[in-house]
Amino acid sequence: MIPAQARKPYSPLTHTGSFVAEAFKHGKAIGAAGDGLGLLRAANLNGSEPGVVTAEWETPMNGFAKDFIRAIAEHRHWDRPQDQVPA
């Protein structure tokens, strides 16, 4: 989960960016909200990938939470393109 008001600047070379890329490669659910969406973009993700759940500031968080819980319940999302992120 990447929270709203996540720390900037975003870079795929930071520890956090590497963590997101590794989680993606391993098929883990990823959730990002508000400013956390910038970290997804830095990891070369756009939020439409399987198991990646996003929410803008204006989005009700209860829908985001339900979608994220569903993504976690699937455990792994192996139908992702593996060459999309460096890890």
Protein backbone atom coordinates (compact mmCIF):
# COMPACT_ATOMS: atom_id res chain seq x y z
CA MET A 1 0.00 0.00 0.00
CA ILE A 2 1.41 3.36 -1.05
CA PRO A 3 -0.38 6.01 1.01
CA ALA A 4 -1.62 9.40 -0.03
CA GLN A 5 0.99 12.04 0.84
CA ALA A 6 3.79 9.57 0.19
CA ARG A 7 7.28 11.03 0.27
CA LYS A 8 8.68 12.70 -2.87
CA PRO A 9 10.72 12.69 -5.11
CA TYR A 10 9.79 9.45 -6.76
CA SER A 11 12.43 7.44 -8.50
CA PRO A 12 12.54 3.81 -9.55
CA LEU A 13 16.09 3.74 -8.18
CA THR A 14 15.09 4.52 -4.58
CA HIS A 15 14.53 1.75 -2.05
CA THR A 16 10.80 2.41 -2.18
CA GLY A 17 10.73 2.32 -5.98
CA SER A 18 12.68 -0.94 -5.93
CA PHE A 19 10.26 -2.38 -3.38
CA VAL A 20 7.26 -1.55 -5.58
CA ALA A 21 8.96 -3.05 -8.64
CA GLU A 22 9.84 -6.23 -6.72
CA ALA A 23 6.29 -6.54 -5.36
CA PHE A 24 4.96 -6.19 -8.92
CA LYS A 25 7.36 -8.83 -10.28
CA HIS A 26 6.32 -11.22 -7.52
CA GLY A 27 2.63 -10.76 -8.33
CA LYS A 28 1.73 -9.04 -5.06
CA ALA A 29 -1.26 -6.72 -4.75
CA ILE A 30 -0.28 -3.04 -4.89
CA GLY A 31 -2.48 -0.18 -3.76
CA ALA A 32 -1.71 3.51 -4.27
CA ALA A 33 -3.75 6.57 -3.37
CA GLY A 34 -3.33 10.33 -3.88
CA ASP A 35 0.30 11.33 -4.14
CA GLY A 36 1.28 7.64 -3.97
CA LEU A 37 0.27 7.38 -7.64
CA GLY A 38 3.50 9.19 -8.52
CA LEU A 39 5.48 6.28 -7.12
CA LEU A 40 3.58 3.89 -9.38
CA ARG A 41 4.48 6.02 -12.39
CA ALA A 42 8.13 6.09 -11.27
CA ALA A 43 8.02 2.28 -11.20
CA ASN A 44 6.67 2.33 -14.79
CA LEU A 45 3.15 1.31 -13.72
CA ASN A 46 -0.04 3.11 -14.71
CA GLY A 47 -2.52 1.50 -12.31
CA SER A 48 -4.40 -0.58 -14.88
CA GLU A 49 -2.30 -3.69 -14.35
CA PRO A 50 -3.91 -6.76 -12.72
CA GLY A 51 -3.78 -6.51 -8.92
CA VAL A 52 -2.84 -2.81 -8.91
CA VAL A 53 -5.53 -0.70 -7.22
CA THR A 54 -5.50 3.09 -7.31
CA ALA A 55 -7.52 6.04 -6.03
CA GLU A 56 -7.30 9.76 -6.67
CA TRP A 57 -7.92 12.26 -3.87
CA GLU A 58 -11.56 12.65 -4.97
CA THR A 59 -12.27 8.89 -4.96
CA PRO A 60 -14.19 7.50 -1.98
CA MET A 61 -11.73 5.35 -0.02
CA ASN A 62 -14.32 2.70 0.89
CA GLY A 63 -14.44 1.53 -2.75
CA PHE A 64 -10.65 1.59 -2.91
CA ALA A 65 -10.40 -0.47 0.27
CA LYS A 66 -12.83 -3.11 -1.02
CA ASP A 67 -10.96 -3.39 -4.34
CA PHE A 68 -7.61 -3.63 -2.53
CA ILE A 69 -8.89 -6.35 -0.21
CA ARG A 70 -10.10 -8.32 -3.26
CA ALA A 71 -6.67 -7.93 -4.87
CA ILE A 72 -4.95 -9.15 -1.70
CA ALA A 73 -7.35 -12.10 -1.46
CA GLU A 74 -6.15 -13.35 -4.85
CA HIS A 75 -2.68 -13.62 -3.26
CA ARG A 76 -0.66 -13.38 -6.50
CA HIS A 77 -1.36 -11.83 -9.89
CA TRP A 78 0.72 -13.87 -12.33
CA ASP A 79 -1.04 -12.49 -15.41
CA ARG A 80 1.07 -9.31 -15.32
CA PRO A 81 3.59 -8.41 -18.03
CA GLN A 82 6.94 -9.27 -16.44
CA ASP A 83 9.07 -7.07 -18.68
CA GLN A 84 7.22 -3.90 -17.66
CA VAL A 85 9.33 -3.05 -14.62
CA PRO A 86 13.02 -3.50 -13.85
CA ALA A 87 13.63 -5.77 -10.87
